[in-house]
Amino acid sequence: MPVLALLSAVFVVGVEQTVQWKYGVTGIIGLTLLTIGIKAKNPTVSSVGAVLLALLVAGPAL
């Protein structure tokens, strides 16, 4: 069980660092909103975070 928790923590930190490196502070805010919304089971907050991340990813294509 501790190995699974360690791997999970490493994965989460890796994803956060990648998002911050590629999309900056706005990406971290979107990822945080998405995570908080999912954990709190609040569809509004998670939707705002998902839309923010989608806009960041699709921004250059628009």
PDB file of N, CA and C in Angstrom:
ATOM      1  N   MET A   1       0.806  -1.201   0.000  1.00  0.00           N
ATOM      2  CA  MET A   1       0.000   0.000   0.000  1.00  0.00           C
ATOM      3  C   MET A   1       0.853   1.272   0.000  1.00  0.00           C
ATOM      4  N   PRO A   2       1.933   1.352   0.799  1.00  0.00           N
ATOM      5  CA  PRO A   2       2.759   2.565   0.758  1.00  0.00           C
ATOM      6  C   PRO A   2       3.382   2.805  -0.614  1.00  0.00           C
ATOM      7  N   VAL A   3       3.675   1.727  -1.344  1.00  0.00           N
ATOM      8  CA  VAL A   3       4.257   1.892  -2.675  1.00  0.00           C
ATOM      9  C   VAL A   3       3.243   2.537  -3.606  1.00  0.00           C
ATOM     10  N   LEU A   4       1.978   2.133  -3.506  1.00  0.00           N
ATOM     11  CA  LEU A   4       0.927   2.713  -4.342  1.00  0.00           C
ATOM     12  C   LEU A   4       0.737   4.194  -4.027  1.00  0.00           C
ATOM     13  N   ALA A   5       0.771   4.552  -2.754  1.00  0.00           N
ATOM     14  CA  ALA A   5       0.642   5.957  -2.366  1.00  0.00           C
ATOM     15  C   ALA A   5       1.827   6.774  -2.876  1.00  0.00           C
ATOM     16  N   LEU A   6       3.008   6.211  -2.806  1.00  0.00           N
ATOM     17  CA  LEU A   6       4.205   6.908  -3.292  1.00  0.00           C
ATOM     18  C   LEU A   6       4.142   7.115  -4.803  1.00  0.00           C
ATOM     19  N   LEU A   7       3.764   6.083  -5.531  1.00  0.00           N
ATOM     20  CA  LEU A   7       3.643   6.208  -6.982  1.00  0.00           C
ATOM     21  C   LEU A   7       2.560   7.214  -7.371  1.00  0.00           C
ATOM     22  N   SER A   8       1.466   7.207  -6.641  1.00  0.00           N
ATOM     23  CA  SER A   8       0.397   8.164  -6.901  1.00  0.00           C
ATOM     24  C   SER A   8       0.877   9.597  -6.660  1.00  0.00           C
ATOM     25  N   ALA A   9       1.594   9.820  -5.581  1.00  0.00           N
ATOM     26  CA  ALA A   9       2.109  11.159  -5.274  1.00  0.00           C
ATOM     27  C   ALA A   9       3.107  11.622  -6.329  1.00  0.00           C
ATOM     28  N   VAL A  10       3.973  10.723  -6.764  1.00  0.00           N
ATOM     29  CA  VAL A  10       4.946  11.074  -7.802  1.00  0.00           C
ATOM     30  C   VAL A  10       4.232  11.430  -9.103  1.00  0.00           C
ATOM     31  N   PHE A  11       3.198  10.672  -9.450  1.00  0.00           N
ATOM     32  CA  PHE A  11       2.438  10.951 -10.666  1.00  0.00           C
ATOM     33  C   PHE A  11       1.750  12.316 -10.595  1.00  0.00           C
ATOM     34  N   VAL A  12       1.123  12.613  -9.457  1.00  0.00           N
ATOM     35  CA  VAL A  12       0.414  13.890  -9.304  1.00  0.00           C
ATOM     36  C   VAL A  12       1.391  15.058  -9.385  1.00  0.00           C
ATOM     37  N   VAL A  13       2.515  14.949  -8.724  1.00  0.00           N
ATOM     38  CA  VAL A  13       3.514  16.027  -8.764  1.00  0.00           C
ATOM     39  C   VAL A  13       4.055  16.191 -10.181  1.00  0.00           C
ATOM     40  N   GLY A  14       4.266  15.089 -10.870  1.00  0.00           N
ATOM     41  CA  GLY A  14       4.743  15.157 -12.252  1.00  0.00           C
ATOM     42  C   GLY A  14       3.756  15.849 -13.169  1.00  0.00           C
ATOM     43  N   VAL A  15       2.476  15.528 -13.015  1.00  0.00           N
ATOM     44  CA  VAL A  15       1.440  16.168 -13.844  1.00  0.00           C
ATOM     45  C   VAL A  15       1.368  17.656 -13.528  1.00  0.00           C
ATOM     46  N   GLU A  16       1.407  18.006 -12.248  1.00  0.00           N
ATOM     47  CA  GLU A  16       1.355  19.418 -11.878  1.00  0.00           C
ATOM     48  C   GLU A  16       2.538  20.196 -12.445  1.00  0.00           C
ATOM     49  N   GLN A  17       3.723  19.632 -12.362  1.00  0.00           N
ATOM     50  CA  GLN A  17       4.909  20.307 -12.890  1.00  0.00           C
ATOM     51  C   GLN A  17       4.838  20.465 -14.408  1.00  0.00           C
ATOM     52  N   THR A  18       4.326  19.448 -15.094  1.00  0.00           N
ATOM     53  CA  THR A  18       4.191  19.531 -16.547  1.00  0.00           C
ATOM     54  C   THR A  18       3.187  20.600 -16.938  1.00  0.00           C
ATOM     55  N   VAL A  19       2.058  20.651 -16.248  1.00  0.00           N
ATOM     56  CA  VAL A  19       1.039  21.664 -16.549  1.00  0.00           C
ATOM     57  C   VAL A  19       1.592  23.052 -16.282  1.00  0.00           C
ATOM     58  N   GLN A  20       2.285  23.233 -15.158  1.00  0.00           N
ATOM     59  CA  GLN A  20       2.822  24.551 -14.848  1.00  0.00           C
ATOM     60  C   GLN A  20       3.897  24.956 -15.850  1.00  0.00           C
ATOM     61  N   TRP A  21       4.734  24.023 -16.259  1.00  0.00           N
ATOM     62  CA  TRP A  21       5.787  24.331 -17.220  1.00  0.00           C
ATOM     63  C   TRP A  21       5.199  24.722 -18.569  1.00  0.00           C
ATOM     64  N   LYS A  22       4.159  24.030 -18.993  1.00  0.00           N
ATOM     65  CA  LYS A  22       3.612  24.264 -20.318  1.00  0.00           C
ATOM     66  C   LYS A  22       2.572  25.385 -20.351  1.00  0.00           C
ATOM     67  N   TYR A  23       1.739  25.480 -19.315  1.00  0.00           N
ATOM     68  CA  TYR A  23       0.620  26.419 -19.343  1.00  0.00           C
ATOM     69  C   TYR A  23       0.659  27.497 -18.272  1.00  0.00           C
ATOM     70  N   GLY A  24       1.647  27.482 -17.412  1.00  0.00           N
ATOM     71  CA  GLY A  24       1.827  28.543 -16.425  1.00  0.00           C
ATOM     72  C   GLY A  24       0.835  28.490 -15.277  1.00  0.00           C
ATOM     73  N   VAL A  25       0.642  29.632 -14.668  1.00  0.00           N
ATOM     74  CA  VAL A  25      -0.199  29.736 -13.483  1.00  0.00           C
ATOM     75  C   VAL A  25      -1.657  29.435 -13.823  1.00  0.00           C
ATOM     76  N   THR A  26      -2.108  29.847 -14.980  1.00  0.00           N
ATOM     77  CA  THR A  26      -3.488  29.591 -15.378  1.00  0.00           C
ATOM     78  C   THR A  26      -3.766  28.092 -15.475  1.00  0.00           C
ATOM     79  N   GLY A  27      -2.806  27.339 -15.938  1.00  0.00           N
ATOM     80  CA  GLY A  27      -2.962  25.890 -16.006  1.00  0.00           C
ATOM     81  C   GLY A  27      -3.069  25.262 -14.630  1.00  0.00           C
ATOM     82  N   ILE A  28      -2.274  25.751 -13.687  1.00  0.00           N
ATOM     83  CA  ILE A  28      -2.342  25.239 -12.317  1.00  0.00           C
ATOM     84  C   ILE A  28      -3.692  25.573 -11.690  1.00  0.00           C
ATOM     85  N   ILE A  29      -4.196  26.778 -11.948  1.00  0.00           N
ATOM     86  CA  ILE A  29      -5.508  27.153 -11.420  1.00  0.00           C
ATOM     87  C   ILE A  29      -6.591  26.249 -12.000  1.00  0.00           C
ATOM     88  N   GLY A  30      -6.545  25.996 -13.291  1.00  0.00           N
ATOM     89  CA  GLY A  30      -7.527  25.105 -13.914  1.00  0.00           C
ATOM     90  C   GLY A  30      -7.450  23.696 -13.369  1.00  0.00           C
ATOM     91  N   LEU A  31      -6.241  23.174 -13.203  1.00  0.00           N
ATOM     92  CA  LEU A  31      -6.056  21.831 -12.652  1.00  0.00           C
ATOM     93  C   LEU A  31      -6.534  21.767 -11.206  1.00  0.00           C
ATOM     94  N   THR A  32      -6.269  22.810 -10.437  1.00  0.00           N
ATOM     95  CA  THR A  32      -6.722  22.851  -9.045  1.00  0.00           C
ATOM     96  C   THR A  32      -8.239  22.892  -8.961  1.00  0.00           C
ATOM     97  N   LEU A  33      -8.870  23.720  -9.790  1.00  0.00           N
ATOM     98  CA  LEU A  33     -10.336  23.777  -9.798  1.00  0.00           C
ATOM     99  C   LEU A  33     -10.940  22.431 -10.193  1.00  0.00           C
ATOM    100  N   LEU A  34     -10.360  21.803 -11.188  1.00  0.00           N
ATOM    101  CA  LEU A  34     -10.860  20.499 -11.624  1.00  0.00           C
ATOM    102  C   LEU A  34     -10.731  19.474 -10.499  1.00  0.00           C
ATOM    103  N   THR A  35      -9.597  19.454  -9.830  1.00  0.00           N
ATOM    104  CA  THR A  35      -9.376  18.501  -8.742  1.00  0.00           C
ATOM    105  C   THR A  35     -10.308  18.762  -7.560  1.00  0.00           C
ATOM    106  N   ILE A  36     -10.449  20.017  -7.184  1.00  0.00           N
ATOM    107  CA  ILE A  36     -11.335  20.361  -6.063  1.00  0.00           C
ATOM    108  C   ILE A  36     -12.779  20.011  -6.403  1.00  0.00           C
ATOM    109  N   GLY A  37     -13.195  20.304  -7.621  1.00  0.00           N
ATOM    110  CA  GLY A  37     -14.564  19.990  -8.025  1.00  0.00           C
ATOM    111  C   GLY A  37     -14.851  18.504  -8.013  1.00  0.00           C
ATOM    112  N   ILE A  38     -13.885  17.701  -8.437  1.00  0.00           N
ATOM    113  CA  ILE A  38     -14.088  16.254  -8.443  1.00  0.00           C
ATOM    114  C   ILE A  38     -14.131  15.717  -7.013  1.00  0.00           C
ATOM    115  N   LYS A  39     -13.220  16.176  -6.165  1.00  0.00           N
ATOM    116  CA  LYS A  39     -13.188  15.685  -4.784  1.00  0.00           C
ATOM    117  C   LYS A  39     -14.409  16.130  -3.995  1.00  0.00           C
ATOM    118  N   ALA A  40     -14.895  17.341  -4.254  1.00  0.00           N
ATOM    119  CA  ALA A  40     -16.058  17.853  -3.535  1.00  0.00           C
ATOM    120  C   ALA A  40     -17.369  17.451  -4.204  1.00  0.00           C
ATOM    121  N   LYS A  41     -17.273  16.756  -5.328  1.00  0.00           N
ATOM    122  CA  LYS A  41     -18.451  16.347  -6.102  1.00  0.00           C
ATOM    123  C   LYS A  41     -19.313  17.558  -6.464  1.00  0.00           C
ATOM    124  N   ASN A  42     -18.619  18.615  -6.886  1.00  0.00           N
ATOM    125  CA  ASN A  42     -19.278  19.844  -7.301  1.00  0.00           C
ATOM    126  C   ASN A  42     -19.074  19.993  -8.812  1.00  0.00           C
ATOM    127  N   PRO A  43     -20.118  19.738  -9.600  1.00  0.00           N
ATOM    128  CA  PRO A  43     -19.950  19.778 -11.051  1.00  0.00           C
ATOM    129  C   PRO A  43     -19.629  21.168 -11.598  1.00  0.00           C
ATOM    130  N   THR A  44     -20.057  22.212 -10.920  1.00  0.00           N
ATOM    131  CA  THR A  44     -19.788  23.564 -11.405  1.00  0.00           C
ATOM    132  C   THR A  44     -18.296  23.883 -11.350  1.00  0.00           C
ATOM    133  N   VAL A  45     -17.677  23.600 -10.223  1.00  0.00           N
ATOM    134  CA  VAL A  45     -16.256  23.910 -10.057  1.00  0.00           C
ATOM    135  C   VAL A  45     -15.406  23.041 -10.983  1.00  0.00           C
ATOM    136  N   SER A  46     -15.751  21.762 -11.076  1.00  0.00           N
ATOM    137  CA  SER A  46     -14.973  20.884 -11.950  1.00  0.00           C
ATOM    138  C   SER A  46     -15.166  21.267 -13.418  1.00  0.00           C
ATOM    139  N   SER A  47     -16.351  21.722 -13.777  1.00  0.00           N
ATOM    140  CA  SER A  47     -16.586  22.154 -15.159  1.00  0.00           C
ATOM    141  C   SER A  47     -15.796  23.411 -15.496  1.00  0.00           C
ATOM    142  N   VAL A  48     -15.723  24.334 -14.565  1.00  0.00           N
ATOM    143  CA  VAL A  48     -14.945  25.558 -14.789  1.00  0.00           C
ATOM    144  C   VAL A  48     -13.472  25.211 -14.985  1.00  0.00           C
ATOM    145  N   GLY A  49     -12.964  24.316 -14.161  1.00  0.00           N
ATOM    146  CA  GLY A  49     -11.573  23.891 -14.307  1.00  0.00           C
ATOM    147  C   GLY A  49     -11.324  23.180 -15.624  1.00  0.00           C
ATOM    148  N   ALA A  50     -12.256  22.315 -16.024  1.00  0.00           N
ATOM    149  CA  ALA A  50     -12.099  21.582 -17.285  1.00  0.00           C
ATOM    150  C   ALA A  50     -12.161  22.528 -18.483  1.00  0.00           C
ATOM    151  N   VAL A  51     -13.060  23.489 -18.443  1.00  0.00           N
ATOM    152  CA  VAL A  51     -13.167  24.455 -19.552  1.00  0.00           C
ATOM    153  C   VAL A  51     -11.914  25.320 -19.622  1.00  0.00           C
ATOM    154  N   LEU A  52     -11.396  25.718 -18.480  1.00  0.00           N
ATOM    155  CA  LEU A  52     -10.170  26.521 -18.460  1.00  0.00           C
ATOM    156  C   LEU A  52      -9.006  25.750 -19.067  1.00  0.00           C
ATOM    157  N   LEU A  53      -8.854  24.480 -18.689  1.00  0.00           N
ATOM    158  CA  LEU A  53      -7.790  23.664 -19.271  1.00  0.00           C
ATOM    159  C   LEU A  53      -8.012  23.440 -20.765  1.00  0.00           C
ATOM    160  N   ALA A  54      -9.255  23.233 -21.165  1.00  0.00           N
ATOM    161  CA  ALA A  54      -9.548  23.026 -22.588  1.00  0.00           C
ATOM    162  C   ALA A  54      -9.215  24.280 -23.398  1.00  0.00           C
ATOM    163  N   LEU A  55      -9.513  25.441 -22.853  1.00  0.00           N
ATOM    164  CA  LEU A  55      -9.193  26.696 -23.554  1.00  0.00           C
ATOM    165  C   LEU A  55      -7.684  26.896 -23.671  1.00  0.00           C
ATOM    166  N   LEU A  56      -6.960  26.511 -22.647  1.00  0.00           N
ATOM    167  CA  LEU A  56      -5.499  26.621 -22.710  1.00  0.00           C
ATOM    168  C   LEU A  56      -4.909  25.692 -23.756  1.00  0.00           C
ATOM    169  N   VAL A  57      -5.439  24.478 -23.816  1.00  0.00           N
ATOM    170  CA  VAL A  57      -4.919  23.507 -24.772  1.00  0.00           C
ATOM    171  C   VAL A  57      -5.309  23.879 -26.192  1.00  0.00           C
ATOM    172  N   ALA A  58      -6.542  24.320 -26.397  1.00  0.00           N
ATOM    173  CA  ALA A  58      -7.040  24.624 -27.733  1.00  0.00           C
ATOM    174  C   ALA A  58      -6.748  26.054 -28.163  1.00  0.00           C
ATOM    175  N   GLY A  59      -6.209  26.869 -27.282  1.00  0.00           N
ATOM    176  CA  GLY A  59      -5.945  28.276 -27.585  1.00  0.00           C
ATOM    177  C   GLY A  59      -5.173  28.531 -28.868  1.00  0.00           C
ATOM    178  N   PRO A  60      -4.055  27.848 -29.094  1.00  0.00           N
ATOM    179  CA  PRO A  60      -3.303  28.093 -30.322  1.00  0.00           C
ATOM    180  C   PRO A  60      -4.068  27.692 -31.582  1.00  0.00           C
ATOM    181  N   ALA A  61      -4.985  26.732 -31.474  1.00  0.00           N
ATOM    182  CA  ALA A  61      -5.731  26.267 -32.638  1.00  0.00           C
ATOM    183  C   ALA A  61      -6.892  27.195 -32.975  1.00  0.00           C
ATOM    184  N   LEU A  62      -7.305  28.005 -32.006  1.00  0.00           N
ATOM    185  CA  LEU A  62      -8.439  28.913 -32.248  1.00  0.00           C
ATOM    186  C   LEU A  62      -7.954  30.089 -32.963  1.00  0.00           C
TER     187      LEU A  62
END
